[in-house]
PDB file of N, CA and C in Angstrom:
ATOM      1  N   MET A   1     -26.890  11.281 -11.866  1.00  0.00           N
ATOM      2  CA  MET A   1     -26.642  12.482 -11.102  1.00  0.00           C
ATOM      3  C   MET A   1     -26.033  12.138  -9.739  1.00  0.00           C
ATOM      4  N   ASP A   2     -26.500  11.056  -9.121  1.00  0.00           N
ATOM      5  CA  ASP A   2     -25.946  10.652  -7.827  1.00  0.00           C
ATOM      6  C   ASP A   2     -24.457  10.349  -7.936  1.00  0.00           C
ATOM      7  N   LEU A   3     -24.053   9.736  -9.036  1.00  0.00           N
ATOM      8  CA  LEU A   3     -22.646   9.408  -9.250  1.00  0.00           C
ATOM      9  C   LEU A   3     -21.796  10.677  -9.254  1.00  0.00           C
ATOM     10  N   ILE A   4     -22.227  11.682  -9.974  1.00  0.00           N
ATOM     11  CA  ILE A   4     -21.480  12.939 -10.051  1.00  0.00           C
ATOM     12  C   ILE A   4     -21.416  13.597  -8.685  1.00  0.00           C
ATOM     13  N   GLU A   5     -22.516  13.553  -7.953  1.00  0.00           N
ATOM     14  CA  GLU A   5     -22.544  14.146  -6.619  1.00  0.00           C
ATOM     15  C   GLU A   5     -21.564  13.437  -5.683  1.00  0.00           C
ATOM     16  N   VAL A   6     -21.487  12.117  -5.755  1.00  0.00           N
ATOM     17  CA  VAL A   6     -20.551  11.355  -4.925  1.00  0.00           C
ATOM     18  C   VAL A   6     -19.109  11.748  -5.263  1.00  0.00           C
ATOM     19  N   ILE A   7     -18.798  11.828  -6.555  1.00  0.00           N
ATOM     20  CA  ILE A   7     -17.443  12.214  -6.973  1.00  0.00           C
ATOM     21  C   ILE A   7     -17.127  13.628  -6.496  1.00  0.00           C
ATOM     22  N   ARG A   8     -18.074  14.529  -6.658  1.00  0.00           N
ATOM     23  CA  ARG A   8     -17.874  15.921  -6.244  1.00  0.00           C
ATOM     24  C   ARG A   8     -17.633  16.017  -4.742  1.00  0.00           C
ATOM     25  N   LEU A   9     -18.462  15.350  -3.957  1.00  0.00           N
ATOM     26  CA  LEU A   9     -18.317  15.409  -2.500  1.00  0.00           C
ATOM     27  C   LEU A   9     -17.005  14.786  -2.041  1.00  0.00           C
ATOM     28  N   GLN A  10     -16.607  13.685  -2.672  1.00  0.00           N
ATOM     29  CA  GLN A  10     -15.326  13.072  -2.331  1.00  0.00           C
ATOM     30  C   GLN A  10     -14.178  14.015  -2.659  1.00  0.00           C
ATOM     31  N   GLY A  11     -14.269  14.693  -3.800  1.00  0.00           N
ATOM     32  CA  GLY A  11     -13.244  15.672  -4.165  1.00  0.00           C
ATOM     33  C   GLY A  11     -13.157  16.813  -3.165  1.00  0.00           C
ATOM     34  N   GLU A  12     -14.309  17.263  -2.687  1.00  0.00           N
ATOM     35  CA  GLU A  12     -14.318  18.328  -1.683  1.00  0.00           C
ATOM     36  C   GLU A  12     -13.684  17.852  -0.375  1.00  0.00           C
ATOM     37  N   ARG A  13     -14.021  16.641   0.051  1.00  0.00           N
ATOM     38  CA  ARG A  13     -13.445  16.100   1.290  1.00  0.00           C
ATOM     39  C   ARG A  13     -11.935  15.924   1.147  1.00  0.00           C
ATOM     40  N   THR A  14     -11.520  15.373   0.026  1.00  0.00           N
ATOM     41  CA  THR A  14     -10.086  15.170  -0.206  1.00  0.00           C
ATOM     42  C   THR A  14      -9.367  16.511  -0.235  1.00  0.00           C
ATOM     43  N   GLY A  15      -9.959  17.476  -0.920  1.00  0.00           N
ATOM     44  CA  GLY A  15      -9.362  18.812  -0.983  1.00  0.00           C
ATOM     45  C   GLY A  15      -9.240  19.457   0.384  1.00  0.00           C
ATOM     46  N   ALA A  16     -10.247  19.265   1.231  1.00  0.00           N
ATOM     47  CA  ALA A  16     -10.202  19.830   2.578  1.00  0.00           C
ATOM     48  C   ALA A  16      -9.067  19.221   3.394  1.00  0.00           C
ATOM     49  N   VAL A  17      -8.873  17.919   3.253  1.00  0.00           N
ATOM     50  CA  VAL A  17      -7.791  17.246   3.979  1.00  0.00           C
ATOM     51  C   VAL A  17      -6.442  17.739   3.475  1.00  0.00           C
ATOM     52  N   VAL A  18      -6.278  17.804   2.158  1.00  0.00           N
ATOM     53  CA  VAL A  18      -5.014  18.274   1.576  1.00  0.00           C
ATOM     54  C   VAL A  18      -4.718  19.705   2.013  1.00  0.00           C
ATOM     55  N   ASN A  19      -5.729  20.568   1.978  1.00  0.00           N
ATOM     56  CA  ASN A  19      -5.525  21.964   2.404  1.00  0.00           C
ATOM     57  C   ASN A  19      -5.168  22.044   3.881  1.00  0.00           C
ATOM     58  N   ALA A  20      -5.797  21.224   4.716  1.00  0.00           N
ATOM     59  CA  ALA A  20      -5.479  21.223   6.145  1.00  0.00           C
ATOM     60  C   ALA A  20      -4.036  20.800   6.376  1.00  0.00           C
ATOM     61  N   ILE A  21      -3.592  19.804   5.639  1.00  0.00           N
ATOM     62  CA  ILE A  21      -2.202  19.345   5.771  1.00  0.00           C
ATOM     63  C   ILE A  21      -1.245  20.449   5.338  1.00  0.00           C
ATOM     64  N   ARG A  22      -1.566  21.098   4.232  1.00  0.00           N
ATOM     65  CA  ARG A  22      -0.692  22.184   3.740  1.00  0.00           C
ATOM     66  C   ARG A  22      -0.606  23.320   4.744  1.00  0.00           C
ATOM     67  N   LEU A  23      -1.735  23.666   5.352  1.00  0.00           N
ATOM     68  CA  LEU A  23      -1.744  24.751   6.331  1.00  0.00           C
ATOM     69  C   LEU A  23      -1.010  24.363   7.612  1.00  0.00           C
ATOM     70  N   ALA A  24      -1.119  23.107   8.007  1.00  0.00           N
ATOM     71  CA  ALA A  24      -0.482  22.639   9.239  1.00  0.00           C
ATOM     72  C   ALA A  24       1.031  22.521   9.100  1.00  0.00           C
ATOM     73  N   ALA A  25       1.486  22.150   7.931  1.00  0.00           N
ATOM     74  CA  ALA A  25       2.921  21.954   7.712  1.00  0.00           C
ATOM     75  C   ALA A  25       3.287  22.458   6.327  1.00  0.00           C
ATOM     76  N   PRO A  26       3.474  23.776   6.197  1.00  0.00           N
ATOM     77  CA  PRO A  26       3.808  24.323   4.876  1.00  0.00           C
ATOM     78  C   PRO A  26       5.037  23.635   4.284  1.00  0.00           C
ATOM     79  N   ALA A  27       4.903  23.241   3.053  1.00  0.00           N
ATOM     80  CA  ALA A  27       5.983  22.535   2.366  1.00  0.00           C
ATOM     81  C   ALA A  27       6.996  23.506   1.798  1.00  0.00           C
ATOM     82  N   LYS A  28       8.220  23.038   1.731  1.00  0.00           N
ATOM     83  CA  LYS A  28       9.235  23.812   1.029  1.00  0.00           C
ATOM     84  C   LYS A  28       8.920  23.720  -0.460  1.00  0.00           C
ATOM     85  N   PRO A  29       9.215  24.730  -1.233  1.00  0.00           N
ATOM     86  CA  PRO A  29       8.851  24.737  -2.659  1.00  0.00           C
ATOM     87  C   PRO A  29       9.338  23.531  -3.446  1.00  0.00           C
ATOM     88  N   ARG A  30      10.419  22.917  -3.044  1.00  0.00           N
ATOM     89  CA  ARG A  30      10.987  21.826  -3.844  1.00  0.00           C
ATOM     90  C   ARG A  30      10.850  20.466  -3.166  1.00  0.00           C
ATOM     91  N   ASP A  31       9.906  20.322  -2.248  1.00  0.00           N
ATOM     92  CA  ASP A  31       9.756  19.038  -1.543  1.00  0.00           C
ATOM     93  C   ASP A  31       9.578  17.874  -2.505  1.00  0.00           C
ATOM     94  N   ARG A  32       8.775  18.041  -3.533  1.00  0.00           N
ATOM     95  CA  ARG A  32       8.550  16.936  -4.473  1.00  0.00           C
ATOM     96  C   ARG A  32       9.855  16.538  -5.158  1.00  0.00           C
ATOM     97  N   LEU A  33      10.694  17.525  -5.438  1.00  0.00           N
ATOM     98  CA  LEU A  33      11.961  17.227  -6.097  1.00  0.00           C
ATOM     99  C   LEU A  33      12.904  16.466  -5.180  1.00  0.00           C
ATOM    100  N   GLU A  34      12.693  16.541  -3.864  1.00  0.00           N
ATOM    101  CA  GLU A  34      13.561  15.853  -2.924  1.00  0.00           C
ATOM    102  C   GLU A  34      13.161  14.392  -2.729  1.00  0.00           C
ATOM    103  N   LEU A  35      12.069  13.964  -3.325  1.00  0.00           N
ATOM    104  CA  LEU A  35      11.666  12.566  -3.234  1.00  0.00           C
ATOM    105  C   LEU A  35      12.609  11.705  -4.067  1.00  0.00           C
ATOM    106  N   SER A  36      12.856  10.513  -3.582  1.00  0.00           N
ATOM    107  CA  SER A  36      13.697   9.600  -4.348  1.00  0.00           C
ATOM    108  C   SER A  36      12.902   9.099  -5.557  1.00  0.00           C
ATOM    109  N   ASP A  37      13.602   8.542  -6.506  1.00  0.00           N
ATOM    110  CA  ASP A  37      12.937   7.952  -7.670  1.00  0.00           C
ATOM    111  C   ASP A  37      11.968   6.855  -7.243  1.00  0.00           C
ATOM    112  N   GLU A  38      12.367   6.090  -6.238  1.00  0.00           N
ATOM    113  CA  GLU A  38      11.505   5.015  -5.728  1.00  0.00           C
ATOM    114  C   GLU A  38      10.245   5.590  -5.072  1.00  0.00           C
ATOM    115  N   ASP A  39      10.393   6.688  -4.314  1.00  0.00           N
ATOM    116  CA  ASP A  39       9.228   7.335  -3.695  1.00  0.00           C
ATOM    117  C   ASP A  39       8.255   7.831  -4.765  1.00  0.00           C
ATOM    118  N   ILE A  40       8.789   8.432  -5.802  1.00  0.00           N
ATOM    119  CA  ILE A  40       7.948   8.951  -6.893  1.00  0.00           C
ATOM    120  C   ILE A  40       7.260   7.795  -7.608  1.00  0.00           C
ATOM    121  N   ARG A  41       7.988   6.704  -7.844  1.00  0.00           N
ATOM    122  CA  ARG A  41       7.394   5.536  -8.487  1.00  0.00           C
ATOM    123  C   ARG A  41       6.249   4.980  -7.647  1.00  0.00           C
ATOM    124  N   GLN A  42       6.470   4.855  -6.338  1.00  0.00           N
ATOM    125  CA  GLN A  42       5.434   4.330  -5.452  1.00  0.00           C
ATOM    126  C   GLN A  42       4.218   5.264  -5.389  1.00  0.00           C
ATOM    127  N   LEU A  43       4.468   6.552  -5.333  1.00  0.00           N
ATOM    128  CA  LEU A  43       3.378   7.527  -5.313  1.00  0.00           C
ATOM    129  C   LEU A  43       2.544   7.419  -6.590  1.00  0.00           C
ATOM    130  N   ASN A  44       3.212   7.350  -7.729  1.00  0.00           N
ATOM    131  CA  ASN A  44       2.499   7.207  -8.998  1.00  0.00           C
ATOM    132  C   ASN A  44       1.728   5.894  -9.064  1.00  0.00           C
ATOM    133  N   GLU A  45       2.329   4.834  -8.538  1.00  0.00           N
ATOM    134  CA  GLU A  45       1.668   3.536  -8.518  1.00  0.00           C
ATOM    135  C   GLU A  45       0.410   3.583  -7.638  1.00  0.00           C
ATOM    136  N   GLN A  46       0.502   4.235  -6.492  1.00  0.00           N
ATOM    137  CA  GLN A  46      -0.656   4.364  -5.594  1.00  0.00           C
ATOM    138  C   GLN A  46      -1.767   5.180  -6.255  1.00  0.00           C
ATOM    139  N   ARG A  47      -1.403   6.261  -6.912  1.00  0.00           N
ATOM    140  CA  ARG A  47      -2.406   7.085  -7.603  1.00  0.00           C
ATOM    141  C   ARG A  47      -3.086   6.289  -8.715  1.00  0.00           C
ATOM    142  N   THR A  48      -2.295   5.560  -9.474  1.00  0.00           N
ATOM    143  CA  THR A  48      -2.853   4.745 -10.554  1.00  0.00           C
ATOM    144  C   THR A  48      -3.794   3.688  -9.997  1.00  0.00           C
ATOM    145  N   HIS A  49      -3.393   3.039  -8.918  1.00  0.00           N
ATOM    146  CA  HIS A  49      -4.232   2.022  -8.291  1.00  0.00           C
ATOM    147  C   HIS A  49      -5.551   2.634  -7.792  1.00  0.00           C
ATOM    148  N   SER A  50      -5.483   3.776  -7.137  1.00  0.00           N
ATOM    149  CA  SER A  50      -6.689   4.449  -6.639  1.00  0.00           C
ATOM    150  C   SER A  50      -7.611   4.834  -7.787  1.00  0.00           C
ATOM    151  N   TYR A  51      -7.027   5.367  -8.859  1.00  0.00           N
ATOM    152  CA  TYR A  51      -7.838   5.752 -10.009  1.00  0.00           C
ATOM    153  C   TYR A  51      -8.486   4.529 -10.655  1.00  0.00           C
ATOM    154  N   THR A  52      -7.753   3.428 -10.733  1.00  0.00           N
ATOM    155  CA  THR A  52      -8.293   2.198 -11.319  1.00  0.00           C
ATOM    156  C   THR A  52      -9.509   1.708 -10.538  1.00  0.00           C
ATOM    157  N   ILE A  53      -9.428   1.754  -9.228  1.00  0.00           N
ATOM    158  CA  ILE A  53     -10.561   1.348  -8.392  1.00  0.00           C
ATOM    159  C   ILE A  53     -11.747   2.277  -8.623  1.00  0.00           C
ATOM    160  N   LEU A  54     -11.496   3.580  -8.644  1.00  0.00           N
ATOM    161  CA  LEU A  54     -12.558   4.560  -8.865  1.00  0.00           C
ATOM    162  C   LEU A  54     -13.176   4.384 -10.251  1.00  0.00           C
ATOM    163  N   HIS A  55     -12.339   4.221 -11.267  1.00  0.00           N
ATOM    164  CA  HIS A  55     -12.814   4.025 -12.637  1.00  0.00           C
ATOM    165  C   HIS A  55     -13.707   2.793 -12.730  1.00  0.00           C
ATOM    166  N   SER A  56     -13.284   1.717 -12.090  1.00  0.00           N
ATOM    167  CA  SER A  56     -14.066   0.486 -12.096  1.00  0.00           C
ATOM    168  C   SER A  56     -15.439   0.702 -11.453  1.00  0.00           C
ATOM    169  N   ALA A  57     -15.470   1.433 -10.364  1.00  0.00           N
ATOM    170  CA  ALA A  57     -16.740   1.717  -9.690  1.00  0.00           C
ATOM    171  C   ALA A  57     -17.652   2.572 -10.570  1.00  0.00           C
ATOM    172  N   VAL A  58     -17.085   3.567 -11.233  1.00  0.00           N
ATOM    173  CA  VAL A  58     -17.880   4.434 -12.113  1.00  0.00           C
ATOM    174  C   VAL A  58     -18.400   3.638 -13.301  1.00  0.00           C
ATOM    175  N   CYS A  59     -17.625   2.715 -13.815  1.00  0.00           N
ATOM    176  CA  CYS A  59     -18.062   1.877 -14.949  1.00  0.00           C
ATOM    177  C   CYS A  59     -19.322   1.084 -14.613  1.00  0.00           C
ATOM    178  N   ARG A  60     -19.462   0.695 -13.363  1.00  0.00           N
ATOM    179  CA  ARG A  60     -20.615  -0.127 -12.980  1.00  0.00           C
ATOM    180  C   ARG A  60     -21.932   0.642 -13.071  1.00  0.00           C
ATOM    181  N   VAL A  61     -21.889   1.955 -12.976  1.00  0.00           N
ATOM    182  CA  VAL A  61     -23.138   2.734 -12.999  1.00  0.00           C
ATOM    183  C   VAL A  61     -23.807   2.703 -14.380  1.00  0.00           C
ATOM    184  N   PRO A  62     -23.119   3.056 -15.466  1.00  0.00           N
ATOM    185  CA  PRO A  62     -23.790   3.022 -16.768  1.00  0.00           C
ATOM    186  C   PRO A  62     -23.795   1.643 -17.446  1.00  0.00           C
ATOM    187  N   ALA A  63     -23.123   0.663 -16.872  1.00  0.00           N
ATOM    188  CA  ALA A  63     -22.996  -0.651 -17.506  1.00  0.00           C
ATOM    189  C   ALA A  63     -24.329  -1.282 -17.915  1.00  0.00           C
ATOM    190  N   PRO A  64     -25.390  -1.203 -17.103  1.00  0.00           N
ATOM    191  CA  PRO A  64     -26.654  -1.819 -17.518  1.00  0.00           C
ATOM    192  C   PRO A  64     -27.242  -1.210 -18.798  1.00  0.00           C
ATOM    193  N   ASP A  65     -26.873   0.027 -19.096  1.00  0.00           N
ATOM    194  CA  ASP A  65     -27.390   0.709 -20.289  1.00  0.00           C
ATOM    195  C   ASP A  65     -26.429   0.640 -21.467  1.00  0.00           C
ATOM    196  N   GLU A  66     -25.382  -0.141 -21.352  1.00  0.00           N
ATOM    197  CA  GLU A  66     -24.341  -0.158 -22.384  1.00  0.00           C
ATOM    198  C   GLU A  66     -24.877  -0.355 -23.809  1.00  0.00           C
ATOM    199  N   PRO A  67     -25.846  -1.214 -24.048  1.00  0.00           N
ATOM    200  CA  PRO A  67     -26.324  -1.377 -25.428  1.00  0.00           C
ATOM    201  C   PRO A  67     -26.894  -0.094 -26.045  1.00  0.00           C
ATOM    202  N   ARG A  68     -27.358   0.808 -25.217  1.00  0.00           N
ATOM    203  CA  ARG A  68     -27.936   2.065 -25.712  1.00  0.00           C
ATOM    204  C   ARG A  68     -26.923   3.205 -25.798  1.00  0.00           C
ATOM    205  N   LEU A  69     -25.730   3.011 -25.294  1.00  0.00           N
ATOM    206  CA  LEU A  69     -24.737   4.085 -25.218  1.00  0.00           C
ATOM    207  C   LEU A  69     -23.939   4.208 -26.510  1.00  0.00           C
ATOM    208  N   ARG A  70     -23.550   5.439 -26.822  1.00  0.00           N
ATOM    209  CA  ARG A  70     -22.773   5.702 -28.038  1.00  0.00           C
ATOM    210  C   ARG A  70     -21.291   5.383 -27.875  1.00  0.00           C
ATOM    211  N   LYS A  71     -20.828   5.332 -26.659  1.00  0.00           N
ATOM    212  CA  LYS A  71     -19.408   5.084 -26.367  1.00  0.00           C
ATOM    213  C   LYS A  71     -19.293   3.900 -25.412  1.00  0.00           C
ATOM    214  N   PRO A  72     -18.138   3.250 -25.381  1.00  0.00           N
ATOM    215  CA  PRO A  72     -17.927   2.171 -24.414  1.00  0.00           C
ATOM    216  C   PRO A  72     -18.000   2.702 -22.977  1.00  0.00           C
ATOM    217  N   VAL A  73     -18.496   1.877 -22.081  1.00  0.00           N
ATOM    218  CA  VAL A  73     -18.641   2.265 -20.682  1.00  0.00           C
ATOM    219  C   VAL A  73     -17.311   2.754 -20.106  1.00  0.00           C
ATOM    220  N   SER A  74     -16.221   2.096 -20.443  1.00  0.00           N
ATOM    221  CA  SER A  74     -14.912   2.504 -19.934  1.00  0.00           C
ATOM    222  C   SER A  74     -14.569   3.939 -20.341  1.00  0.00           C
ATOM    223  N   ASP A  75     -14.843   4.294 -21.601  1.00  0.00           N
ATOM    224  CA  ASP A  75     -14.581   5.658 -22.080  1.00  0.00           C
ATOM    225  C   ASP A  75     -15.488   6.666 -21.378  1.00  0.00           C
ATOM    226  N   ILE A  76     -16.740   6.291 -21.188  1.00  0.00           N
ATOM    227  CA  ILE A  76     -17.689   7.178 -20.510  1.00  0.00           C
ATOM    228  C   ILE A  76     -17.214   7.447 -19.087  1.00  0.00           C
ATOM    229  N   ALA A  77     -16.735   6.418 -18.404  1.00  0.00           N
ATOM    230  CA  ALA A  77     -16.241   6.592 -17.039  1.00  0.00           C
ATOM    231  C   ALA A  77     -15.059   7.556 -17.006  1.00  0.00           C
ATOM    232  N   VAL A  78     -14.158   7.436 -17.961  1.00  0.00           N
ATOM    233  CA  VAL A  78     -13.010   8.352 -18.033  1.00  0.00           C
ATOM    234  C   VAL A  78     -13.494   9.791 -18.204  1.00  0.00           C
ATOM    235  N   MET A  79     -14.464  10.003 -19.086  1.00  0.00           N
ATOM    236  CA  MET A  79     -14.977  11.355 -19.331  1.00  0.00           C
ATOM    237  C   MET A  79     -15.664  11.923 -18.093  1.00  0.00           C
ATOM    238  N   ILE A  80     -16.495  11.111 -17.450  1.00  0.00           N
ATOM    239  CA  ILE A  80     -17.187  11.560 -16.237  1.00  0.00           C
ATOM    240  C   ILE A  80     -16.166  11.946 -15.170  1.00  0.00           C
ATOM    241  N   LEU A  81     -15.189  11.098 -14.956  1.00  0.00           N
ATOM    242  CA  LEU A  81     -14.179  11.380 -13.940  1.00  0.00           C
ATOM    243  C   LEU A  81     -13.361  12.623 -14.286  1.00  0.00           C
ATOM    244  N   ALA A  82     -13.001  12.766 -15.546  1.00  0.00           N
ATOM    245  CA  ALA A  82     -12.197  13.923 -15.952  1.00  0.00           C
ATOM    246  C   ALA A  82     -12.930  15.228 -15.670  1.00  0.00           C
ATOM    247  N   VAL A  83     -14.191  15.290 -16.044  1.00  0.00           N
ATOM    248  CA  VAL A  83     -14.954  16.523 -15.861  1.00  0.00           C
ATOM    249  C   VAL A  83     -15.292  16.737 -14.383  1.00  0.00           C
ATOM    250  N   ALA A  84     -15.835  15.715 -13.743  1.00  0.00           N
ATOM    251  CA  ALA A  84     -16.260  15.870 -12.351  1.00  0.00           C
ATOM    252  C   ALA A  84     -15.088  16.152 -11.422  1.00  0.00           C
ATOM    253  N   MET A  85     -13.974  15.476 -11.626  1.00  0.00           N
ATOM    254  CA  MET A  85     -12.819  15.693 -10.759  1.00  0.00           C
ATOM    255  C   MET A  85     -12.168  17.053 -11.009  1.00  0.00           C
ATOM    256  N   SER A  86     -12.132  17.493 -12.236  1.00  0.00           N
ATOM    257  CA  SER A  86     -11.505  18.789 -12.505  1.00  0.00           C
ATOM    258  C   SER A  86     -12.317  19.923 -11.898  1.00  0.00           C
ATOM    259  N   LEU A  87     -13.614  19.842 -11.958  1.00  0.00           N
ATOM    260  CA  LEU A  87     -14.443  20.876 -11.351  1.00  0.00           C
ATOM    261  C   LEU A  87     -14.354  20.827  -9.836  1.00  0.00           C
ATOM    262  N   GLY A  88     -14.331  19.640  -9.279  1.00  0.00           N
ATOM    263  CA  GLY A  88     -14.259  19.504  -7.833  1.00  0.00           C
ATOM    264  C   GLY A  88     -12.963  20.026  -7.261  1.00  0.00           C
ATOM    265  N   ARG A  89     -11.860  19.788  -7.930  1.00  0.00           N
ATOM    266  CA  ARG A  89     -10.561  20.223  -7.419  1.00  0.00           C
ATOM    267  C   ARG A  89     -10.354  21.727  -7.543  1.00  0.00           C
ATOM    268  N   SER A  90     -10.963  22.337  -8.543  1.00  0.00           N
ATOM    269  CA  SER A  90     -10.732  23.770  -8.739  1.00  0.00           C
ATOM    270  C   SER A  90     -11.674  24.627  -7.914  1.00  0.00           C
ATOM    271  N   GLY A  91     -12.641  24.011  -7.257  1.00  0.00           N
ATOM    272  CA  GLY A  91     -13.603  24.778  -6.491  1.00  0.00           C
ATOM    273  C   GLY A  91     -14.617  25.466  -7.380  1.00  0.00           C
ATOM    274  N   GLY A  92     -14.716  25.031  -8.643  1.00  0.00           N
ATOM    275  CA  GLY A  92     -15.576  25.706  -9.598  1.00  0.00           C
ATOM    276  C   GLY A  92     -17.029  25.282  -9.576  1.00  0.00           C
ATOM    277  N   TRP A  93     -17.426  24.482  -8.619  1.00  0.00           N
ATOM    278  CA  TRP A  93     -18.810  23.997  -8.598  1.00  0.00           C
ATOM    279  C   TRP A  93     -19.807  25.114  -8.380  1.00  0.00           C
ATOM    280  N   ASP A  94     -19.498  26.022  -7.513  1.00  0.00           N
ATOM    281  CA  ASP A  94     -20.460  27.092  -7.250  1.00  0.00           C
ATOM    282  C   ASP A  94     -19.748  28.414  -6.985  1.00  0.00           C
ATOM    283  N   ALA A  95     -18.660  28.630  -7.694  1.00  0.00           N
ATOM    284  CA  ALA A  95     -17.853  29.830  -7.487  1.00  0.00           C
ATOM    285  C   ALA A  95     -17.781  30.662  -8.764  1.00  0.00           C
ATOM    286  N   GLY A  96     -18.494  31.755  -8.786  1.00  0.00           N
ATOM    287  CA  GLY A  96     -18.381  32.725  -9.875  1.00  0.00           C
ATOM    288  C   GLY A  96     -18.660  32.175 -11.246  1.00  0.00           C
ATOM    289  N   GLN A  97     -17.875  32.603 -12.233  1.00  0.00           N
ATOM    290  CA  GLN A  97     -18.067  32.259 -13.639  1.00  0.00           C
ATOM    291  C   GLN A  97     -18.043  30.759 -13.897  1.00  0.00           C
ATOM    292  N   ALA A  98     -17.262  30.030 -13.129  1.00  0.00           N
ATOM    293  CA  ALA A  98     -17.119  28.599 -13.371  1.00  0.00           C
ATOM    294  C   ALA A  98     -18.261  27.788 -12.765  1.00  0.00           C
ATOM    295  N   SER A  99     -19.263  28.480 -12.239  1.00  0.00           N
ATOM    296  CA  SER A  99     -20.340  27.804 -11.540  1.00  0.00           C
ATOM    297  C   SER A  99     -21.062  26.787 -12.422  1.00  0.00           C
ATOM    298  N   ILE A 100     -21.214  25.582 -11.912  1.00  0.00           N
ATOM    299  CA  ILE A 100     -21.975  24.538 -12.588  1.00  0.00           C
ATOM    300  C   ILE A 100     -22.554  23.632 -11.507  1.00  0.00           C
ATOM    301  N   THR A 101     -23.809  23.314 -11.637  1.00  0.00           N
ATOM    302  CA  THR A 101     -24.447  22.443 -10.659  1.00  0.00           C
ATOM    303  C   THR A 101     -24.272  20.987 -11.064  1.00  0.00           C
ATOM    304  N   THR A 102     -24.503  20.115 -10.121  1.00  0.00           N
ATOM    305  CA  THR A 102     -24.456  18.692 -10.415  1.00  0.00           C
ATOM    306  C   THR A 102     -25.488  18.345 -11.481  1.00  0.00           C
ATOM    307  N   GLU A 103     -26.664  18.951 -11.390  1.00  0.00           N
ATOM    308  CA  GLU A 103     -27.728  18.694 -12.372  1.00  0.00           C
ATOM    309  C   GLU A 103     -27.301  19.123 -13.770  1.00  0.00           C
ATOM    310  N   GLN A 104     -26.659  20.281 -13.879  1.00  0.00           N
ATOM    311  CA  GLN A 104     -26.195  20.765 -15.183  1.00  0.00           C
ATOM    312  C   GLN A 104     -25.137  19.835 -15.771  1.00  0.00           C
ATOM    313  N   LEU A 105     -24.236  19.384 -14.926  1.00  0.00           N
ATOM    314  CA  LEU A 105     -23.185  18.490 -15.406  1.00  0.00           C
ATOM    315  C   LEU A 105     -23.773  17.149 -15.831  1.00  0.00           C
ATOM    316  N   ALA A 106     -24.710  16.623 -15.050  1.00  0.00           N
ATOM    317  CA  ALA A 106     -25.363  15.367 -15.427  1.00  0.00           C
ATOM    318  C   ALA A 106     -26.093  15.519 -16.756  1.00  0.00           C
ATOM    319  N   ASP A 107     -26.780  16.635 -16.953  1.00  0.00           N
ATOM    320  CA  ASP A 107     -27.490  16.876 -18.210  1.00  0.00           C
ATOM    321  C   ASP A 107     -26.506  16.937 -19.385  1.00  0.00           C
ATOM    322  N   LEU A 108     -25.390  17.623 -19.192  1.00  0.00           N
ATOM    323  CA  LEU A 108     -24.377  17.720 -20.246  1.00  0.00           C
ATOM    324  C   LEU A 108     -23.833  16.339 -20.604  1.00  0.00           C
ATOM    325  N   ILE A 109     -23.513  15.544 -19.590  1.00  0.00           N
ATOM    326  CA  ILE A 109     -22.968  14.212 -19.840  1.00  0.00           C
ATOM    327  C   ILE A 109     -23.994  13.319 -20.523  1.00  0.00           C
ATOM    328  N   LEU A 110     -25.239  13.394 -20.091  1.00  0.00           N
ATOM    329  CA  LEU A 110     -26.259  12.506 -20.639  1.00  0.00           C
ATOM    330  C   LEU A 110     -26.802  12.943 -21.995  1.00  0.00           C
ATOM    331  N   HIS A 111     -26.859  14.269 -22.231  1.00  0.00           N
ATOM    332  CA  HIS A 111     -27.521  14.759 -23.444  1.00  0.00           C
ATOM    333  C   HIS A 111     -26.640  15.583 -24.360  1.00  0.00           C
ATOM    334  N   GLY A 112     -25.430  15.911 -23.918  1.00  0.00           N
ATOM    335  CA  GLY A 112     -24.549  16.718 -24.765  1.00  0.00           C
ATOM    336  C   GLY A 112     -25.019  18.161 -24.846  1.00  0.00           C
ATOM    337  N   ILE A 113     -24.587  18.856 -25.900  1.00  0.00           N
ATOM    338  CA  ILE A 113     -24.921  20.268 -26.038  1.00  0.00           C
ATOM    339  C   ILE A 113     -25.810  20.550 -27.254  1.00  0.00           C
ATOM    340  N   VAL A 114     -26.135  19.525 -28.013  1.00  0.00           N
ATOM    341  CA  VAL A 114     -26.926  19.707 -29.223  1.00  0.00           C
ATOM    342  C   VAL A 114     -28.354  19.239 -28.966  1.00  0.00           C
ATOM    343  N   ASN A 115     -29.343  20.028 -29.463  1.00  0.00           N
ATOM    344  CA  ASN A 115     -30.749  19.620 -29.342  1.00  0.00           C
ATOM    345  C   ASN A 115     -31.056  18.477 -30.285  1.00  0.00           C
TER     346      ASN A 115
END
């Protein structure tokens, strides 16, 4: 549960910074298209590198329990990141219909949906 909370809080902080930048300097609709191929390559490389570091850190959490897990630790880390990051970026943690708590998400990841 602590892992999910850390990912969620980091997503909220990152989102706040991105929103502040957008509000301070509104972008033209096609700014991304004006990037050079090299700029886009470097941006993608930086994102991949950041994700690799994050994935590696998440892998370390369930690693001690790997013999008991149904999936490889690497796959579990991808799933945790996919769900936790998507909820964090959309603001769906505690907003209306999409509301889900960290505890609920941890329970879903650890126990699934079947009794």
